[in-house]
Amino acid sequence: QLQFVESGGGLVQPGGSLRLSCAASRSGLNHYIIYWVRQAPGKEREGVACIAVRAGSTNYADSVKGRFTVSTDNAKNTVYLQMNSLTSDDTAVYYCAADRNPLASSCSVRATPAWWGQGTQVTVSS
């Protein structure tokens, strides 16, 4: 089982950008579906993006479509979430989550992943 560590959260102004990273402990990312899930205070968890790494297939929540992009760098064993045009509604703790599924050809942001990272805070405020 790979271990994942998130980084890249912080404070950003509305309209700004941030890139979150989810680094795996070793090679083998191709065997996983990686999810980005967020939870804002007083709200339910929301899956915002996912990638079936081997297939390269991605999916996004409607709330972030066109603004967020999930990608991988297999050489660095890392998954990224590029977040652009941020608004206050994007303020949340963002979690990297994963399921091991080497045959996955697609993913759903409504899935409930088995493994969760510790989360990184993203705050959008002027």
N, C-alpha and C. Protein backbone atom coordinates (compact mmCIF):
# COMPACT_ATOMS: atom_id res chain seq x y z
N GLN A 1 0.84 -1.18 0.00
CA GLN A 1 0.00 0.00 0.00
C GLN A 1 0.89 1.25 0.00
N LEU A 2 0.65 2.11 -0.98
CA LEU A 2 1.38 3.36 -1.01
C LEU A 2 0.91 4.29 0.09
N GLN A 3 1.77 5.16 0.52
CA GLN A 3 1.42 6.25 1.43
C GLN A 3 1.47 7.54 0.63
N PHE A 4 0.59 8.47 0.98
CA PHE A 4 0.50 9.73 0.24
C PHE A 4 0.61 10.91 1.20
N VAL A 5 1.28 11.95 0.76
CA VAL A 5 1.42 13.16 1.57
C VAL A 5 0.99 14.36 0.74
N GLU A 6 0.07 15.14 1.30
CA GLU A 6 -0.43 16.33 0.59
C GLU A 6 0.38 17.56 0.98
N SER A 7 0.40 18.51 0.06
CA SER A 7 1.01 19.80 0.34
C SER A 7 0.47 20.84 -0.63
N GLY A 8 0.76 22.10 -0.34
CA GLY A 8 0.42 23.16 -1.29
C GLY A 8 -0.73 24.06 -0.89
N GLY A 9 -1.37 23.77 0.22
CA GLY A 9 -2.47 24.64 0.64
C GLY A 9 -1.96 25.97 1.14
N GLY A 10 -2.89 26.89 1.39
CA GLY A 10 -2.50 28.20 1.90
C GLY A 10 -3.59 29.21 1.70
N LEU A 11 -3.22 30.48 1.84
CA LEU A 11 -4.14 31.59 1.69
C LEU A 11 -3.94 32.22 0.32
N VAL A 12 -5.03 32.43 -0.38
CA VAL A 12 -4.96 33.03 -1.72
C VAL A 12 -6.13 34.00 -1.87
N GLN A 13 -5.92 35.03 -2.66
CA GLN A 13 -6.98 36.02 -2.90
C GLN A 13 -7.99 35.50 -3.92
N PRO A 14 -9.20 35.98 -3.86
CA PRO A 14 -10.19 35.58 -4.88
C PRO A 14 -9.66 35.85 -6.28
N GLY A 15 -9.90 34.89 -7.15
CA GLY A 15 -9.38 34.98 -8.51
C GLY A 15 -8.00 34.40 -8.69
N GLY A 16 -7.37 34.05 -7.58
CA GLY A 16 -6.02 33.51 -7.64
C GLY A 16 -5.98 32.02 -7.91
N SER A 17 -4.77 31.48 -7.85
CA SER A 17 -4.54 30.07 -8.16
C SER A 17 -3.68 29.43 -7.08
N LEU A 18 -3.86 28.12 -6.94
CA LEU A 18 -3.01 27.31 -6.08
C LEU A 18 -2.84 25.95 -6.74
N ARG A 19 -1.74 25.29 -6.44
CA ARG A 19 -1.54 23.92 -6.89
C ARG A 19 -1.27 23.04 -5.68
N LEU A 20 -2.14 22.06 -5.51
CA LEU A 20 -1.95 21.07 -4.45
C LEU A 20 -1.21 19.87 -5.00
N SER A 21 -0.40 19.26 -4.14
CA SER A 21 0.36 18.07 -4.52
C SER A 21 0.01 16.91 -3.60
N CYS A 22 0.00 15.71 -4.17
CA CYS A 22 -0.22 14.48 -3.41
C CYS A 22 0.91 13.53 -3.83
N ALA A 23 1.91 13.41 -2.97
CA ALA A 23 3.11 12.66 -3.31
C ALA A 23 3.03 11.24 -2.75
N ALA A 24 3.26 10.26 -3.60
CA ALA A 24 3.26 8.86 -3.17
C ALA A 24 4.64 8.49 -2.62
N SER A 25 4.64 7.50 -1.72
CA SER A 25 5.88 7.12 -1.04
C SER A 25 6.85 6.38 -1.96
N ARG A 26 6.34 5.80 -3.05
CA ARG A 26 7.20 5.08 -3.98
C ARG A 26 6.46 4.94 -5.29
N SER A 27 7.04 4.30 -6.26
CA SER A 27 6.39 4.10 -7.55
C SER A 27 5.20 3.15 -7.40
N GLY A 28 4.32 3.18 -8.39
CA GLY A 28 3.13 2.34 -8.35
C GLY A 28 1.84 3.11 -8.48
N LEU A 29 1.97 4.39 -8.80
CA LEU A 29 0.79 5.25 -8.91
C LEU A 29 -0.20 4.73 -9.94
N ASN A 30 0.30 4.03 -10.94
CA ASN A 30 -0.54 3.51 -12.01
C ASN A 30 -1.60 2.53 -11.52
N HIS A 31 -1.44 2.02 -10.33
CA HIS A 31 -2.38 1.03 -9.81
C HIS A 31 -3.53 1.67 -9.03
N TYR A 32 -3.58 3.00 -9.03
CA TYR A 32 -4.52 3.69 -8.16
C TYR A 32 -5.45 4.63 -8.91
N ILE A 33 -6.60 4.85 -8.30
CA ILE A 33 -7.44 6.00 -8.59
C ILE A 33 -7.17 7.01 -7.47
N ILE A 34 -6.85 8.23 -7.86
CA ILE A 34 -6.59 9.28 -6.89
C ILE A 34 -7.74 10.29 -6.93
N TYR A 35 -8.20 10.66 -5.76
CA TYR A 35 -9.31 11.60 -5.62
C TYR A 35 -8.83 12.85 -4.88
N TRP A 36 -9.45 13.95 -5.19
CA TRP A 36 -9.34 15.15 -4.37
C TRP A 36 -10.73 15.45 -3.82
N VAL A 37 -10.80 15.50 -2.51
CA VAL A 37 -12.07 15.69 -1.80
C VAL A 37 -11.92 16.88 -0.87
N ARG A 38 -12.92 17.72 -0.76
CA ARG A 38 -12.82 18.87 0.13
C ARG A 38 -13.96 18.89 1.13
N GLN A 39 -13.71 19.54 2.25
CA GLN A 39 -14.75 19.72 3.25
C GLN A 39 -14.64 21.11 3.84
N ALA A 40 -15.69 21.87 3.64
CA ALA A 40 -15.78 23.22 4.20
C ALA A 40 -16.50 23.15 5.55
N PRO A 41 -16.25 24.12 6.41
CA PRO A 41 -16.90 24.13 7.72
C PRO A 41 -18.42 24.08 7.60
N GLY A 42 -19.03 23.13 8.30
CA GLY A 42 -20.48 23.03 8.30
C GLY A 42 -21.08 22.41 7.06
N LYS A 43 -20.23 21.93 6.16
CA LYS A 43 -20.72 21.33 4.92
C LYS A 43 -20.26 19.89 4.80
N GLU A 44 -20.94 19.14 3.97
CA GLU A 44 -20.55 17.76 3.72
C GLU A 44 -19.31 17.70 2.84
N ARG A 45 -18.60 16.59 2.92
CA ARG A 45 -17.47 16.38 2.04
C ARG A 45 -17.93 16.37 0.59
N GLU A 46 -17.11 16.93 -0.27
CA GLU A 46 -17.43 17.00 -1.69
C GLU A 46 -16.23 16.51 -2.49
N GLY A 47 -16.45 15.47 -3.28
CA GLY A 47 -15.43 15.04 -4.22
C GLY A 47 -15.35 16.04 -5.35
N VAL A 48 -14.17 16.61 -5.61
CA VAL A 48 -14.06 17.64 -6.63
C VAL A 48 -13.36 17.15 -7.90
N ALA A 49 -12.49 16.15 -7.77
CA ALA A 49 -11.77 15.66 -8.95
C ALA A 49 -11.24 14.27 -8.68
N CYS A 50 -11.05 13.53 -9.76
CA CYS A 50 -10.42 12.22 -9.63
C CYS A 50 -9.70 11.89 -10.92
N ILE A 51 -8.74 10.95 -10.81
CA ILE A 51 -8.02 10.48 -11.98
C ILE A 51 -7.73 9.00 -11.82
N ALA A 52 -8.12 8.23 -12.82
CA ALA A 52 -7.72 6.83 -12.91
C ALA A 52 -6.34 6.87 -13.58
N VAL A 53 -5.29 6.69 -12.80
CA VAL A 53 -3.96 7.07 -13.26
C VAL A 53 -3.51 6.28 -14.49
N ARG A 54 -3.70 4.98 -14.49
CA ARG A 54 -3.22 4.19 -15.63
C ARG A 54 -3.91 4.60 -16.93
N ALA A 55 -5.21 4.85 -16.85
CA ALA A 55 -5.96 5.22 -18.04
C ALA A 55 -5.83 6.70 -18.37
N GLY A 56 -5.45 7.50 -17.38
CA GLY A 56 -5.40 8.94 -17.59
C GLY A 56 -6.76 9.59 -17.63
N SER A 57 -7.77 8.86 -17.19
CA SER A 57 -9.15 9.36 -17.25
C SER A 57 -9.45 10.21 -16.03
N THR A 58 -10.07 11.36 -16.25
CA THR A 58 -10.38 12.28 -15.16
C THR A 58 -11.88 12.57 -15.09
N ASN A 59 -12.29 13.11 -13.95
CA ASN A 59 -13.67 13.52 -13.76
C ASN A 59 -13.69 14.65 -12.74
N TYR A 60 -14.67 15.54 -12.88
CA TYR A 60 -14.72 16.71 -12.02
C TYR A 60 -16.14 16.98 -11.55
N ALA A 61 -16.24 17.56 -10.36
CA ALA A 61 -17.53 18.05 -9.90
C ALA A 61 -17.92 19.26 -10.73
N ASP A 62 -19.21 19.46 -10.91
CA ASP A 62 -19.69 20.61 -11.68
C ASP A 62 -19.20 21.93 -11.07
N SER A 63 -19.04 21.96 -9.77
CA SER A 63 -18.66 23.19 -9.09
C SER A 63 -17.25 23.65 -9.43
N VAL A 64 -16.42 22.77 -9.97
CA VAL A 64 -15.02 23.13 -10.25
C VAL A 64 -14.66 22.93 -11.72
N LYS A 65 -15.57 22.38 -12.48
CA LYS A 65 -15.28 22.06 -13.88
C LYS A 65 -14.86 23.33 -14.64
N GLY A 66 -13.78 23.22 -15.36
CA GLY A 66 -13.26 24.36 -16.12
C GLY A 66 -12.29 25.21 -15.31
N ARG A 67 -12.23 25.01 -14.00
CA ARG A 67 -11.32 25.79 -13.15
C ARG A 67 -10.22 24.92 -12.53
N PHE A 68 -10.54 23.68 -12.22
CA PHE A 68 -9.59 22.78 -11.58
C PHE A 68 -9.12 21.74 -12.59
N THR A 69 -7.86 21.34 -12.46
CA THR A 69 -7.30 20.31 -13.33
C THR A 69 -6.47 19.35 -12.49
N VAL A 70 -6.74 18.06 -12.64
CA VAL A 70 -5.96 17.05 -11.95
C VAL A 70 -5.00 16.42 -12.95
N SER A 71 -3.77 16.19 -12.52
CA SER A 71 -2.76 15.63 -13.41
C SER A 71 -1.78 14.81 -12.59
N THR A 72 -0.96 14.07 -13.29
CA THR A 72 0.04 13.25 -12.61
C THR A 72 1.42 13.49 -13.21
N ASP A 73 2.44 13.28 -12.40
CA ASP A 73 3.83 13.24 -12.85
C ASP A 73 4.38 11.91 -12.33
N ASN A 74 4.35 10.91 -13.20
CA ASN A 74 4.74 9.57 -12.77
C ASN A 74 6.21 9.50 -12.36
N ALA A 75 7.04 10.33 -12.96
CA ALA A 75 8.46 10.34 -12.60
C ALA A 75 8.65 10.79 -11.17
N LYS A 76 7.75 11.65 -10.69
CA LYS A 76 7.83 12.15 -9.32
C LYS A 76 6.84 11.45 -8.40
N ASN A 77 6.09 10.48 -8.94
CA ASN A 77 5.08 9.76 -8.14
C ASN A 77 4.13 10.74 -7.45
N THR A 78 3.68 11.72 -8.19
CA THR A 78 2.89 12.80 -7.60
C THR A 78 1.67 13.11 -8.45
N VAL A 79 0.57 13.40 -7.75
CA VAL A 79 -0.66 13.85 -8.39
C VAL A 79 -0.88 15.30 -7.97
N TYR A 80 -1.30 16.11 -8.92
CA TYR A 80 -1.50 17.54 -8.67
C TYR A 80 -2.97 17.92 -8.85
N LEU A 81 -3.38 18.95 -8.14
CA LEU A 81 -4.66 19.59 -8.39
C LEU A 81 -4.38 21.07 -8.60
N GLN A 82 -4.46 21.49 -9.85
CA GLN A 82 -4.29 22.90 -10.20
C GLN A 82 -5.64 23.59 -10.05
N MET A 83 -5.69 24.62 -9.22
CA MET A 83 -6.94 25.32 -8.94
C MET A 83 -6.81 26.77 -9.39
N ASN A 84 -7.65 27.16 -10.33
CA ASN A 84 -7.63 28.52 -10.87
C ASN A 84 -8.95 29.22 -10.58
N SER A 85 -8.95 30.52 -10.71
CA SER A 85 -10.16 31.34 -10.52
C SER A 85 -10.86 31.01 -9.21
N LEU A 86 -10.09 30.97 -8.17
CA LEU A 86 -10.62 30.56 -6.87
C LEU A 86 -11.57 31.62 -6.31
N THR A 87 -12.60 31.13 -5.62
CA THR A 87 -13.56 31.99 -4.93
C THR A 87 -13.65 31.56 -3.47
N SER A 88 -14.35 32.35 -2.70
CA SER A 88 -14.50 32.02 -1.28
C SER A 88 -15.21 30.68 -1.09
N ASP A 89 -16.01 30.29 -2.05
CA ASP A 89 -16.70 28.99 -1.96
C ASP A 89 -15.73 27.81 -2.04
N ASP A 90 -14.52 28.07 -2.48
CA ASP A 90 -13.51 27.00 -2.57
C ASP A 90 -12.75 26.83 -1.26
N THR A 91 -13.00 27.67 -0.29
CA THR A 91 -12.34 27.55 1.00
C THR A 91 -12.76 26.25 1.68
N ALA A 92 -11.78 25.43 2.02
CA ALA A 92 -12.05 24.11 2.60
C ALA A 92 -10.73 23.43 2.95
N VAL A 93 -10.85 22.33 3.67
CA VAL A 93 -9.72 21.41 3.79
C VAL A 93 -9.79 20.45 2.61
N TYR A 94 -8.69 20.34 1.91
CA TYR A 94 -8.63 19.47 0.73
C TYR A 94 -7.85 18.21 1.08
N TYR A 95 -8.45 17.08 0.75
CA TYR A 95 -7.85 15.78 1.04
C TYR A 95 -7.49 15.07 -0.27
N CYS A 96 -6.34 14.46 -0.26
CA CYS A 96 -5.98 13.49 -1.29
C CYS A 96 -6.45 12.14 -0.78
N ALA A 97 -7.14 11.39 -1.62
CA ALA A 97 -7.66 10.08 -1.24
C ALA A 97 -7.39 9.10 -2.37
N ALA A 98 -7.44 7.82 -2.05
CA ALA A 98 -7.04 6.84 -3.06
C ALA A 98 -7.76 5.51 -2.89
N ASP A 99 -7.94 4.85 -4.01
CA ASP A 99 -8.37 3.46 -4.07
C ASP A 99 -7.39 2.72 -4.97
N ARG A 100 -7.02 1.50 -4.56
CA ARG A 100 -6.16 0.70 -5.42
C ARG A 100 -7.03 -0.04 -6.43
N ASN A 101 -6.84 0.26 -7.69
CA ASN A 101 -7.62 -0.37 -8.75
C ASN A 101 -6.84 -0.29 -10.05
N PRO A 102 -5.93 -1.24 -10.28
CA PRO A 102 -5.06 -1.15 -11.46
C PRO A 102 -5.78 -1.29 -12.79
N LEU A 103 -7.02 -1.79 -12.77
CA LEU A 103 -7.74 -1.98 -14.03
C LEU A 103 -8.72 -0.85 -14.32
N ALA A 104 -8.78 0.15 -13.46
CA ALA A 104 -9.78 1.20 -13.62
C ALA A 104 -9.57 1.97 -14.92
N SER A 105 -10.65 2.15 -15.66
CA SER A 105 -10.60 2.94 -16.89
C SER A 105 -11.28 4.29 -16.72
N SER A 106 -11.93 4.48 -15.58
CA SER A 106 -12.60 5.75 -15.31
C SER A 106 -12.72 5.91 -13.80
N CYS A 107 -13.23 7.06 -13.37
CA CYS A 107 -13.43 7.30 -11.95
C CYS A 107 -14.64 8.20 -11.76
N SER A 108 -15.16 8.21 -10.53
CA SER A 108 -16.31 9.04 -10.19
C SER A 108 -15.99 9.85 -8.95
N VAL A 109 -16.31 11.14 -8.97
CA VAL A 109 -16.07 11.98 -7.80
C VAL A 109 -17.04 11.65 -6.68
N ARG A 110 -18.05 10.80 -6.94
CA ARG A 110 -19.01 10.42 -5.90
C ARG A 110 -18.57 9.17 -5.15
N ALA A 111 -17.43 8.60 -5.52
CA ALA A 111 -16.94 7.40 -4.83
C ALA A 111 -16.50 7.74 -3.41
N THR A 112 -16.42 6.71 -2.59
CA THR A 112 -15.91 6.84 -1.21
C THR A 112 -14.59 6.10 -1.14
N PRO A 113 -13.46 6.81 -1.25
CA PRO A 113 -12.16 6.14 -1.28
C PRO A 113 -11.82 5.44 0.03
N ALA A 114 -10.94 4.45 -0.07
CA ALA A 114 -10.57 3.67 1.11
C ALA A 114 -9.50 4.37 1.94
N TRP A 115 -8.60 5.09 1.28
CA TRP A 115 -7.48 5.69 2.00
C TRP A 115 -7.57 7.20 1.91
N TRP A 116 -7.28 7.91 3.00
CA TRP A 116 -7.37 9.36 3.05
C TRP A 116 -6.09 9.96 3.60
N GLY A 117 -5.68 11.07 3.03
CA GLY A 117 -4.57 11.82 3.57
C GLY A 117 -5.00 12.68 4.73
N GLN A 118 -4.05 13.46 5.23
CA GLN A 118 -4.31 14.28 6.43
C GLN A 118 -5.00 15.59 6.11
N GLY A 119 -5.01 15.99 4.86
CA GLY A 119 -5.69 17.21 4.44
C GLY A 119 -4.78 18.42 4.48
N THR A 120 -5.10 19.39 3.62
CA THR A 120 -4.38 20.65 3.59
C THR A 120 -5.40 21.78 3.44
N GLN A 121 -5.22 22.84 4.22
CA GLN A 121 -6.20 23.92 4.25
C GLN A 121 -5.99 24.87 3.08
N VAL A 122 -7.08 25.18 2.39
CA VAL A 122 -7.09 26.21 1.36
C VAL A 122 -8.07 27.28 1.80
N THR A 123 -7.59 28.51 1.89
CA THR A 123 -8.43 29.63 2.29
C THR A 123 -8.38 30.69 1.20
N VAL A 124 -9.55 31.04 0.69
CA VAL A 124 -9.65 32.06 -0.35
C VAL A 124 -10.29 33.29 0.29
N SER A 125 -9.49 34.34 0.42
CA SER A 125 -9.96 35.53 1.11
C SER A 125 -9.12 36.73 0.72
N SER A 126 -9.75 37.89 0.70
CA SER A 126 -9.00 39.12 0.43
C SER A 126 -8.55 39.76 1.74
